N, C-alpha and C. Protein backbone atom coordinates (compact mmCIF):
# COMPACT_ATOMS: atom_id res chain seq x y z
N UNK A 1 -21.32 20.00 -6.31
CA UNK A 1 -20.35 20.62 -5.43
C UNK A 1 -20.48 20.04 -4.03
N UNK A 2 -19.35 19.66 -3.44
CA UNK A 2 -19.41 19.08 -2.11
C UNK A 2 -19.61 20.16 -1.07
N UNK A 3 -19.99 19.72 0.10
CA UNK A 3 -20.30 20.65 1.16
C UNK A 3 -19.10 20.81 2.10
N UNK A 4 -17.89 20.92 1.53
CA UNK A 4 -16.69 21.10 2.33
C UNK A 4 -16.63 22.46 2.99
N UNK A 5 -17.37 23.42 2.42
CA UNK A 5 -17.30 24.78 2.96
C UNK A 5 -17.91 24.87 4.35
N UNK A 6 -18.78 23.92 4.69
CA UNK A 6 -19.42 23.98 6.00
C UNK A 6 -18.57 23.35 7.10
N UNK A 7 -17.47 22.68 6.74
CA UNK A 7 -16.60 22.06 7.74
C UNK A 7 -15.80 23.14 8.44
N UNK A 8 -15.65 22.96 9.73
CA UNK A 8 -14.86 23.90 10.53
C UNK A 8 -13.38 23.60 10.34
N UNK A 9 -12.60 24.63 10.21
CA UNK A 9 -11.16 24.50 10.09
C UNK A 9 -10.57 24.83 11.44
N UNK A 10 -9.72 23.93 11.93
CA UNK A 10 -9.07 24.17 13.20
C UNK A 10 -7.78 24.93 12.94
N UNK A 11 -7.67 26.11 13.46
CA UNK A 11 -6.47 26.91 13.29
C UNK A 11 -5.56 26.72 14.49
N UNK A 12 -4.31 26.48 14.20
CA UNK A 12 -3.32 26.33 15.25
C UNK A 12 -2.35 27.49 15.11
N UNK A 13 -2.39 28.42 16.05
CA UNK A 13 -1.52 29.59 15.93
C UNK A 13 -0.05 29.20 16.08
N UNK A 14 0.81 29.88 15.31
CA UNK A 14 2.25 29.64 15.40
C UNK A 14 2.77 30.19 16.71
N UNK A 15 3.80 29.55 17.23
CA UNK A 15 4.40 30.05 18.46
C UNK A 15 5.09 31.38 18.18
N UNK A 16 5.31 32.15 19.21
CA UNK A 16 5.99 33.45 19.07
C UNK A 16 7.40 33.26 18.51
N UNK A 17 8.08 32.21 18.94
CA UNK A 17 9.43 31.95 18.45
C UNK A 17 9.43 31.70 16.95
N UNK A 18 8.48 30.92 16.47
CA UNK A 18 8.36 30.65 15.05
C UNK A 18 8.03 31.93 14.29
N UNK A 19 7.12 32.72 14.82
CA UNK A 19 6.75 33.98 14.17
C UNK A 19 7.95 34.91 14.06
N UNK A 20 8.79 34.92 15.07
CA UNK A 20 9.97 35.77 15.02
C UNK A 20 10.96 35.31 13.96
N UNK A 21 11.03 33.99 13.75
CA UNK A 21 11.95 33.45 12.75
C UNK A 21 11.47 33.68 11.33
N UNK A 22 10.18 33.46 11.08
CA UNK A 22 9.69 33.51 9.70
C UNK A 22 8.80 34.71 9.41
N UNK A 23 8.39 35.41 10.43
CA UNK A 23 7.54 36.57 10.22
C UNK A 23 6.07 36.21 10.24
N UNK A 24 5.24 37.21 10.05
CA UNK A 24 3.80 37.01 10.05
C UNK A 24 3.21 37.73 8.85
N UNK A 25 1.95 37.46 8.59
CA UNK A 25 1.27 38.15 7.50
C UNK A 25 1.11 37.29 6.27
N UNK A 26 0.64 37.94 5.22
CA UNK A 26 0.34 37.25 3.97
C UNK A 26 1.58 37.19 3.10
N UNK A 27 1.74 36.05 2.40
CA UNK A 27 2.86 35.90 1.47
C UNK A 27 2.41 36.41 0.10
N UNK A 28 3.24 37.22 -0.50
CA UNK A 28 2.95 37.78 -1.82
C UNK A 28 2.71 36.66 -2.82
N UNK A 29 1.63 36.74 -3.57
CA UNK A 29 1.26 35.69 -4.53
C UNK A 29 2.32 35.51 -5.61
N UNK A 30 3.00 36.56 -5.99
CA UNK A 30 4.06 36.45 -6.99
C UNK A 30 5.21 35.61 -6.46
N UNK A 31 5.53 35.74 -5.17
CA UNK A 31 6.58 34.93 -4.56
C UNK A 31 6.16 33.46 -4.53
N UNK A 32 4.90 33.20 -4.28
CA UNK A 32 4.39 31.83 -4.28
C UNK A 32 4.50 31.24 -5.68
N UNK A 33 4.06 31.99 -6.70
CA UNK A 33 4.17 31.50 -8.08
C UNK A 33 5.62 31.25 -8.47
N UNK A 34 6.49 32.15 -8.06
CA UNK A 34 7.91 32.00 -8.37
C UNK A 34 8.48 30.75 -7.71
N UNK A 35 8.14 30.51 -6.46
CA UNK A 35 8.62 29.32 -5.75
C UNK A 35 8.07 28.05 -6.39
N UNK A 36 6.80 28.07 -6.79
CA UNK A 36 6.20 26.91 -7.45
C UNK A 36 6.90 26.63 -8.78
N UNK A 37 7.26 27.68 -9.50
CA UNK A 37 7.96 27.52 -10.78
C UNK A 37 9.33 26.89 -10.56
N UNK A 38 10.03 27.33 -9.54
CA UNK A 38 11.35 26.77 -9.23
C UNK A 38 11.22 25.27 -8.93
N UNK A 39 10.22 24.91 -8.15
CA UNK A 39 9.99 23.50 -7.82
C UNK A 39 9.64 22.71 -9.08
N UNK A 40 8.74 23.26 -9.88
CA UNK A 40 8.28 22.58 -11.09
C UNK A 40 9.41 22.38 -12.10
N UNK A 41 10.28 23.35 -12.22
CA UNK A 41 11.34 23.30 -13.22
C UNK A 41 12.68 22.83 -12.65
N UNK A 42 12.65 22.31 -11.45
CA UNK A 42 13.84 21.84 -10.77
C UNK A 42 14.53 20.74 -11.58
N UNK A 43 15.81 20.89 -11.84
CA UNK A 43 16.58 19.91 -12.61
C UNK A 43 17.59 19.17 -11.74
N UNK A 44 17.56 19.41 -10.44
CA UNK A 44 18.48 18.74 -9.53
C UNK A 44 18.08 17.27 -9.43
N UNK A 45 19.07 16.39 -9.48
CA UNK A 45 18.81 14.95 -9.39
C UNK A 45 18.36 14.58 -7.98
N UNK A 46 17.31 13.77 -7.92
CA UNK A 46 16.76 13.33 -6.64
C UNK A 46 17.61 12.23 -6.01
N UNK A 47 18.17 11.34 -6.84
CA UNK A 47 18.87 10.16 -6.33
C UNK A 47 19.96 10.49 -5.31
N UNK A 48 20.87 11.42 -5.58
CA UNK A 48 21.91 11.69 -4.58
C UNK A 48 21.34 12.25 -3.27
N UNK A 49 20.25 12.99 -3.38
CA UNK A 49 19.64 13.54 -2.17
C UNK A 49 18.89 12.47 -1.39
N UNK A 50 18.32 11.51 -2.09
CA UNK A 50 17.55 10.45 -1.45
C UNK A 50 18.45 9.37 -0.85
N UNK A 51 19.64 9.22 -1.38
CA UNK A 51 20.51 8.10 -0.98
C UNK A 51 20.77 8.01 0.52
N UNK A 52 21.08 9.10 1.21
CA UNK A 52 21.30 8.96 2.66
C UNK A 52 20.06 8.43 3.40
N UNK A 53 18.88 8.84 2.97
CA UNK A 53 17.65 8.36 3.60
C UNK A 53 17.41 6.89 3.27
N UNK A 54 17.75 6.51 2.04
CA UNK A 54 17.61 5.11 1.64
C UNK A 54 18.60 4.24 2.42
N UNK A 55 19.83 4.74 2.60
CA UNK A 55 20.83 4.00 3.39
C UNK A 55 20.35 3.84 4.84
N UNK A 56 19.81 4.91 5.38
CA UNK A 56 19.29 4.89 6.75
C UNK A 56 18.14 3.88 6.88
N UNK A 57 17.27 3.86 5.88
CA UNK A 57 16.14 2.93 5.89
C UNK A 57 16.63 1.49 5.76
N UNK A 58 17.61 1.27 4.91
CA UNK A 58 18.17 -0.08 4.74
C UNK A 58 18.77 -0.58 6.05
N UNK A 59 19.48 0.29 6.76
CA UNK A 59 20.06 -0.09 8.04
C UNK A 59 18.97 -0.36 9.08
N UNK A 60 17.90 0.42 9.06
CA UNK A 60 16.80 0.21 10.00
C UNK A 60 16.14 -1.14 9.75
N UNK A 61 15.97 -1.50 8.49
CA UNK A 61 15.38 -2.80 8.14
C UNK A 61 16.29 -3.92 8.64
N UNK A 62 17.59 -3.76 8.41
CA UNK A 62 18.56 -4.77 8.86
C UNK A 62 18.53 -4.93 10.38
N UNK A 63 18.53 -3.81 11.10
CA UNK A 63 18.49 -3.88 12.57
C UNK A 63 17.20 -4.53 13.06
N UNK A 64 16.10 -4.22 12.40
CA UNK A 64 14.82 -4.82 12.79
C UNK A 64 14.86 -6.33 12.59
N UNK A 65 15.38 -6.77 11.47
CA UNK A 65 15.45 -8.22 11.19
C UNK A 65 16.38 -8.92 12.18
N UNK A 66 17.38 -8.21 12.66
CA UNK A 66 18.31 -8.77 13.64
C UNK A 66 17.79 -8.65 15.07
N UNK A 67 16.66 -7.97 15.25
CA UNK A 67 16.07 -7.81 16.57
C UNK A 67 16.79 -6.80 17.44
N UNK A 68 17.47 -5.85 16.80
CA UNK A 68 18.21 -4.82 17.54
C UNK A 68 17.27 -3.67 17.85
N UNK A 69 17.12 -3.37 19.14
CA UNK A 69 16.27 -2.25 19.56
C UNK A 69 14.87 -2.68 19.95
N UNK A 70 14.20 -1.78 20.64
CA UNK A 70 12.81 -2.03 21.02
C UNK A 70 11.91 -1.79 19.82
N UNK A 71 10.68 -2.25 19.93
CA UNK A 71 9.72 -2.01 18.84
C UNK A 71 9.55 -0.52 18.59
N UNK A 72 9.52 0.26 19.65
CA UNK A 72 9.38 1.71 19.50
C UNK A 72 10.58 2.31 18.77
N UNK A 73 11.78 1.87 19.11
CA UNK A 73 12.98 2.36 18.45
C UNK A 73 13.00 1.96 16.97
N UNK A 74 12.56 0.74 16.70
CA UNK A 74 12.50 0.27 15.31
C UNK A 74 11.52 1.12 14.51
N UNK A 75 10.35 1.37 15.09
CA UNK A 75 9.35 2.18 14.39
C UNK A 75 9.90 3.57 14.09
N UNK A 76 10.58 4.16 15.05
CA UNK A 76 11.17 5.49 14.83
C UNK A 76 12.25 5.43 13.75
N UNK A 77 13.03 4.36 13.75
CA UNK A 77 14.10 4.23 12.75
C UNK A 77 13.52 4.05 11.35
N UNK A 78 12.29 3.54 11.24
CA UNK A 78 11.60 3.47 9.95
C UNK A 78 11.01 4.82 9.58
N UNK A 79 10.37 5.44 10.55
CA UNK A 79 9.59 6.64 10.30
C UNK A 79 10.44 7.83 9.85
N UNK A 80 11.56 8.05 10.48
CA UNK A 80 12.36 9.25 10.19
C UNK A 80 12.84 9.28 8.73
N UNK A 81 13.49 8.23 8.21
CA UNK A 81 13.92 8.33 6.81
C UNK A 81 12.75 8.34 5.82
N UNK A 82 11.67 7.65 6.16
CA UNK A 82 10.51 7.66 5.27
C UNK A 82 9.90 9.06 5.23
N UNK A 83 9.83 9.73 6.37
CA UNK A 83 9.33 11.11 6.40
C UNK A 83 10.22 12.03 5.57
N UNK A 84 11.52 11.85 5.67
CA UNK A 84 12.44 12.67 4.89
C UNK A 84 12.31 12.42 3.40
N UNK A 85 12.13 11.16 3.02
CA UNK A 85 11.89 10.85 1.61
C UNK A 85 10.61 11.52 1.12
N UNK A 86 9.56 11.40 1.92
CA UNK A 86 8.27 12.00 1.56
C UNK A 86 8.41 13.51 1.38
N UNK A 87 9.08 14.14 2.31
CA UNK A 87 9.23 15.60 2.28
C UNK A 87 10.02 16.08 1.07
N UNK A 88 11.01 15.31 0.66
CA UNK A 88 11.88 15.74 -0.43
C UNK A 88 11.43 15.27 -1.81
N UNK A 89 10.73 14.17 -1.89
CA UNK A 89 10.39 13.59 -3.19
C UNK A 89 9.56 14.53 -4.06
N UNK A 90 8.52 15.12 -3.52
CA UNK A 90 7.67 16.00 -4.32
C UNK A 90 8.43 17.24 -4.78
N UNK A 91 9.32 17.74 -3.96
CA UNK A 91 10.11 18.91 -4.32
C UNK A 91 10.95 18.62 -5.56
N UNK A 92 11.35 17.38 -5.72
CA UNK A 92 12.18 17.00 -6.86
C UNK A 92 11.39 16.23 -7.91
N UNK A 93 10.09 16.48 -7.95
CA UNK A 93 9.18 15.94 -8.96
C UNK A 93 9.06 14.41 -8.92
N UNK A 94 9.04 13.87 -7.73
CA UNK A 94 8.81 12.44 -7.54
C UNK A 94 7.56 12.26 -6.68
N UNK A 95 6.43 12.76 -7.19
CA UNK A 95 5.18 12.69 -6.45
C UNK A 95 4.75 11.25 -6.18
N UNK A 96 5.13 10.33 -7.07
CA UNK A 96 4.80 8.92 -6.85
C UNK A 96 5.45 8.40 -5.58
N UNK A 97 6.69 8.78 -5.35
CA UNK A 97 7.39 8.37 -4.12
C UNK A 97 6.71 9.01 -2.92
N UNK A 98 6.29 10.26 -3.07
CA UNK A 98 5.59 10.92 -1.97
C UNK A 98 4.32 10.16 -1.61
N UNK A 99 3.57 9.73 -2.62
CA UNK A 99 2.32 8.99 -2.35
C UNK A 99 2.60 7.65 -1.67
N UNK A 100 3.61 6.94 -2.12
CA UNK A 100 3.93 5.64 -1.52
C UNK A 100 4.39 5.81 -0.08
N UNK A 101 5.26 6.77 0.16
CA UNK A 101 5.75 6.99 1.52
C UNK A 101 4.62 7.45 2.43
N UNK A 102 3.69 8.22 1.88
CA UNK A 102 2.55 8.67 2.68
C UNK A 102 1.70 7.48 3.12
N UNK A 103 1.46 6.54 2.22
CA UNK A 103 0.68 5.35 2.56
C UNK A 103 1.37 4.59 3.69
N UNK A 104 2.68 4.40 3.58
CA UNK A 104 3.40 3.62 4.58
C UNK A 104 3.50 4.39 5.90
N UNK A 105 3.69 5.69 5.84
CA UNK A 105 3.71 6.47 7.09
C UNK A 105 2.37 6.40 7.81
N UNK A 106 1.28 6.50 7.07
CA UNK A 106 -0.05 6.36 7.69
C UNK A 106 -0.21 4.98 8.30
N UNK A 107 0.27 3.97 7.61
CA UNK A 107 0.21 2.60 8.11
C UNK A 107 1.01 2.48 9.41
N UNK A 108 2.25 2.99 9.41
CA UNK A 108 3.08 2.92 10.61
C UNK A 108 2.45 3.65 11.77
N UNK A 109 1.85 4.78 11.48
CA UNK A 109 1.17 5.55 12.52
C UNK A 109 -0.02 4.77 13.07
N UNK A 110 -0.71 4.06 12.21
CA UNK A 110 -1.90 3.32 12.61
C UNK A 110 -1.56 2.08 13.44
N UNK A 111 -0.54 1.32 13.02
CA UNK A 111 -0.23 0.08 13.73
C UNK A 111 0.54 0.33 15.01
N UNK A 112 1.44 1.28 15.01
CA UNK A 112 2.26 1.51 16.19
C UNK A 112 3.21 0.35 16.43
N UNK A 113 4.07 0.46 17.44
CA UNK A 113 5.02 -0.62 17.73
C UNK A 113 4.27 -1.89 18.15
N UNK A 114 4.75 -3.02 17.66
CA UNK A 114 4.16 -4.31 18.01
C UNK A 114 5.24 -5.24 18.52
N UNK A 115 4.82 -6.25 19.26
CA UNK A 115 5.78 -7.22 19.79
C UNK A 115 6.53 -7.91 18.65
N UNK A 116 5.80 -8.33 17.63
CA UNK A 116 6.41 -8.97 16.47
C UNK A 116 6.41 -7.96 15.32
N UNK A 117 7.58 -7.47 14.98
CA UNK A 117 7.71 -6.42 13.97
C UNK A 117 7.97 -6.97 12.57
N UNK A 118 7.99 -8.28 12.39
CA UNK A 118 8.41 -8.84 11.11
C UNK A 118 7.49 -8.44 9.96
N UNK A 119 6.18 -8.44 10.16
CA UNK A 119 5.27 -8.05 9.09
C UNK A 119 5.41 -6.58 8.72
N UNK A 120 5.59 -5.76 9.72
CA UNK A 120 5.79 -4.33 9.49
C UNK A 120 7.11 -4.11 8.76
N UNK A 121 8.14 -4.82 9.19
CA UNK A 121 9.45 -4.72 8.54
C UNK A 121 9.35 -5.15 7.08
N UNK A 122 8.57 -6.19 6.80
CA UNK A 122 8.40 -6.63 5.41
C UNK A 122 7.78 -5.53 4.55
N UNK A 123 6.79 -4.84 5.08
CA UNK A 123 6.15 -3.76 4.32
C UNK A 123 7.14 -2.62 4.08
N UNK A 124 7.90 -2.26 5.08
CA UNK A 124 8.91 -1.20 4.92
C UNK A 124 9.97 -1.64 3.91
N UNK A 125 10.32 -2.93 3.93
CA UNK A 125 11.30 -3.44 2.98
C UNK A 125 10.77 -3.37 1.54
N UNK A 126 9.49 -3.67 1.35
CA UNK A 126 8.89 -3.55 0.02
C UNK A 126 8.92 -2.10 -0.44
N UNK A 127 8.63 -1.17 0.48
CA UNK A 127 8.72 0.25 0.14
C UNK A 127 10.15 0.60 -0.26
N UNK A 128 11.11 0.17 0.53
CA UNK A 128 12.53 0.45 0.24
C UNK A 128 12.89 -0.02 -1.17
N UNK A 129 12.56 -1.27 -1.48
CA UNK A 129 12.91 -1.84 -2.79
C UNK A 129 12.18 -1.11 -3.92
N UNK A 130 10.94 -0.76 -3.69
CA UNK A 130 10.16 -0.05 -4.71
C UNK A 130 10.75 1.33 -4.98
N UNK A 131 11.07 2.06 -3.94
CA UNK A 131 11.64 3.40 -4.11
C UNK A 131 13.01 3.30 -4.79
N UNK A 132 13.79 2.29 -4.45
CA UNK A 132 15.08 2.10 -5.11
C UNK A 132 14.89 1.93 -6.62
N UNK A 133 13.89 1.15 -7.01
CA UNK A 133 13.62 0.94 -8.44
C UNK A 133 13.16 2.24 -9.10
N UNK A 134 12.24 2.94 -8.43
CA UNK A 134 11.72 4.20 -8.97
C UNK A 134 12.86 5.19 -9.19
N UNK A 135 13.75 5.29 -8.23
CA UNK A 135 14.88 6.23 -8.35
C UNK A 135 15.85 5.77 -9.44
N UNK A 136 16.17 4.48 -9.45
CA UNK A 136 17.11 3.96 -10.45
C UNK A 136 16.57 4.13 -11.87
N UNK A 137 15.26 3.95 -12.03
CA UNK A 137 14.64 4.09 -13.35
C UNK A 137 14.25 5.54 -13.66
N UNK A 138 14.49 6.44 -12.70
CA UNK A 138 14.15 7.85 -12.81
C UNK A 138 12.69 8.05 -13.23
N UNK A 139 11.81 7.35 -12.51
CA UNK A 139 10.37 7.44 -12.78
C UNK A 139 9.84 8.63 -11.98
N UNK A 140 9.96 9.79 -12.58
CA UNK A 140 9.55 11.02 -11.89
C UNK A 140 8.06 11.26 -12.07
N UNK A 141 7.61 12.36 -11.49
CA UNK A 141 6.19 12.67 -11.54
C UNK A 141 5.40 11.67 -10.72
N UNK A 142 4.16 11.43 -11.15
CA UNK A 142 3.33 10.48 -10.40
C UNK A 142 3.52 9.05 -10.87
N UNK A 143 4.34 8.84 -11.89
CA UNK A 143 4.62 7.50 -12.38
C UNK A 143 3.59 6.97 -13.35
N UNK A 144 2.62 7.81 -13.72
CA UNK A 144 1.59 7.39 -14.68
C UNK A 144 0.75 6.24 -14.15
N UNK A 145 0.32 5.37 -15.05
CA UNK A 145 -0.52 4.22 -14.67
C UNK A 145 0.22 3.30 -13.70
N UNK A 146 1.51 3.07 -13.96
CA UNK A 146 2.30 2.21 -13.07
C UNK A 146 2.38 2.80 -11.66
N UNK A 147 2.54 4.11 -11.59
CA UNK A 147 2.58 4.77 -10.29
C UNK A 147 1.26 4.64 -9.56
N UNK A 148 0.16 4.81 -10.30
CA UNK A 148 -1.16 4.65 -9.70
C UNK A 148 -1.38 3.22 -9.23
N UNK A 149 -0.93 2.25 -10.04
CA UNK A 149 -1.06 0.84 -9.65
C UNK A 149 -0.24 0.54 -8.40
N UNK A 150 0.96 1.11 -8.32
CA UNK A 150 1.79 0.92 -7.12
C UNK A 150 1.12 1.49 -5.88
N UNK A 151 0.55 2.66 -6.04
CA UNK A 151 -0.14 3.31 -4.92
C UNK A 151 -1.28 2.42 -4.41
N UNK A 152 -2.08 1.92 -5.33
CA UNK A 152 -3.21 1.04 -4.96
C UNK A 152 -2.68 -0.24 -4.31
N UNK A 153 -1.60 -0.79 -4.86
CA UNK A 153 -1.02 -2.02 -4.31
C UNK A 153 -0.50 -1.80 -2.88
N UNK A 154 0.13 -0.67 -2.63
CA UNK A 154 0.60 -0.39 -1.28
C UNK A 154 -0.55 -0.21 -0.30
N UNK A 155 -1.59 0.46 -0.74
CA UNK A 155 -2.77 0.60 0.11
C UNK A 155 -3.35 -0.78 0.44
N UNK A 156 -3.45 -1.64 -0.57
CA UNK A 156 -3.99 -2.99 -0.36
C UNK A 156 -3.09 -3.81 0.56
N UNK A 157 -1.78 -3.69 0.38
CA UNK A 157 -0.83 -4.40 1.23
C UNK A 157 -0.99 -4.00 2.70
N UNK A 158 -1.05 -2.72 2.93
CA UNK A 158 -1.20 -2.23 4.30
C UNK A 158 -2.54 -2.64 4.89
N UNK A 159 -3.60 -2.54 4.11
CA UNK A 159 -4.94 -2.95 4.57
C UNK A 159 -4.97 -4.45 4.88
N UNK A 160 -4.33 -5.25 4.04
CA UNK A 160 -4.27 -6.69 4.25
C UNK A 160 -3.59 -7.00 5.58
N UNK A 161 -2.49 -6.32 5.85
CA UNK A 161 -1.78 -6.54 7.12
C UNK A 161 -2.68 -6.16 8.28
N UNK A 162 -3.31 -5.02 8.21
CA UNK A 162 -4.17 -4.56 9.30
C UNK A 162 -5.32 -5.53 9.53
N UNK A 163 -5.89 -6.04 8.47
CA UNK A 163 -7.02 -6.96 8.57
C UNK A 163 -6.62 -8.29 9.18
N UNK A 164 -5.41 -8.75 8.88
CA UNK A 164 -4.99 -10.10 9.29
C UNK A 164 -4.03 -10.15 10.47
N UNK A 165 -3.70 -9.01 11.05
CA UNK A 165 -2.75 -9.04 12.16
C UNK A 165 -3.41 -9.63 13.40
N UNK A 166 -2.60 -10.20 14.22
CA UNK A 166 -3.12 -10.87 15.42
C UNK A 166 -2.60 -10.21 16.66
C-alpha cells in the first residue's frame, strides 16, 4: 500500500457566487451513481459534438502554419479546442481521446509560446489527425492495446520535442 494518505490535500474553497449557483453540501450517492450510469450508457454520437472543436483546431493549425497571430495567440487557439475535446470525450466514452488530449495539453502548458511554433504545430497536427481517425473509426473507450500504444507514442513524441528543442 502506498503512503498517499500522508500527503496533504490543498483545499480551494468555492467562491460565494459559485456556491449560490450550485449549492453546498454533500451530493447524494444515489445521484452520483445515476449520473455515472447515464454517462456509461450514453448512446449519443461523439462525432457531431466533436466536429466544431476539430474544425476550430484545424483552423488554428492553418493559421499557425501561415504565421497568423502571436505565439501566445496561437497557443491559445490550440489549447481551447483541445480542452473542449478532452472535457467531452470521456463523457461520450472516448477515454482514449481524453488521454491523448491530456498529454498534448500538458505538453502545451510545459513549453509555452515559442518564437518558432512549427514543432509545436506539428505535434498538434498529429493529434488532430489521430483524433479524426479515432472518431471516424468510432474507436470508443480506451482504444485497447492500440489506444495504449497511441498514448505512449504521444508521450514519447512530446518528450522528444522537449529534449531536442533549442
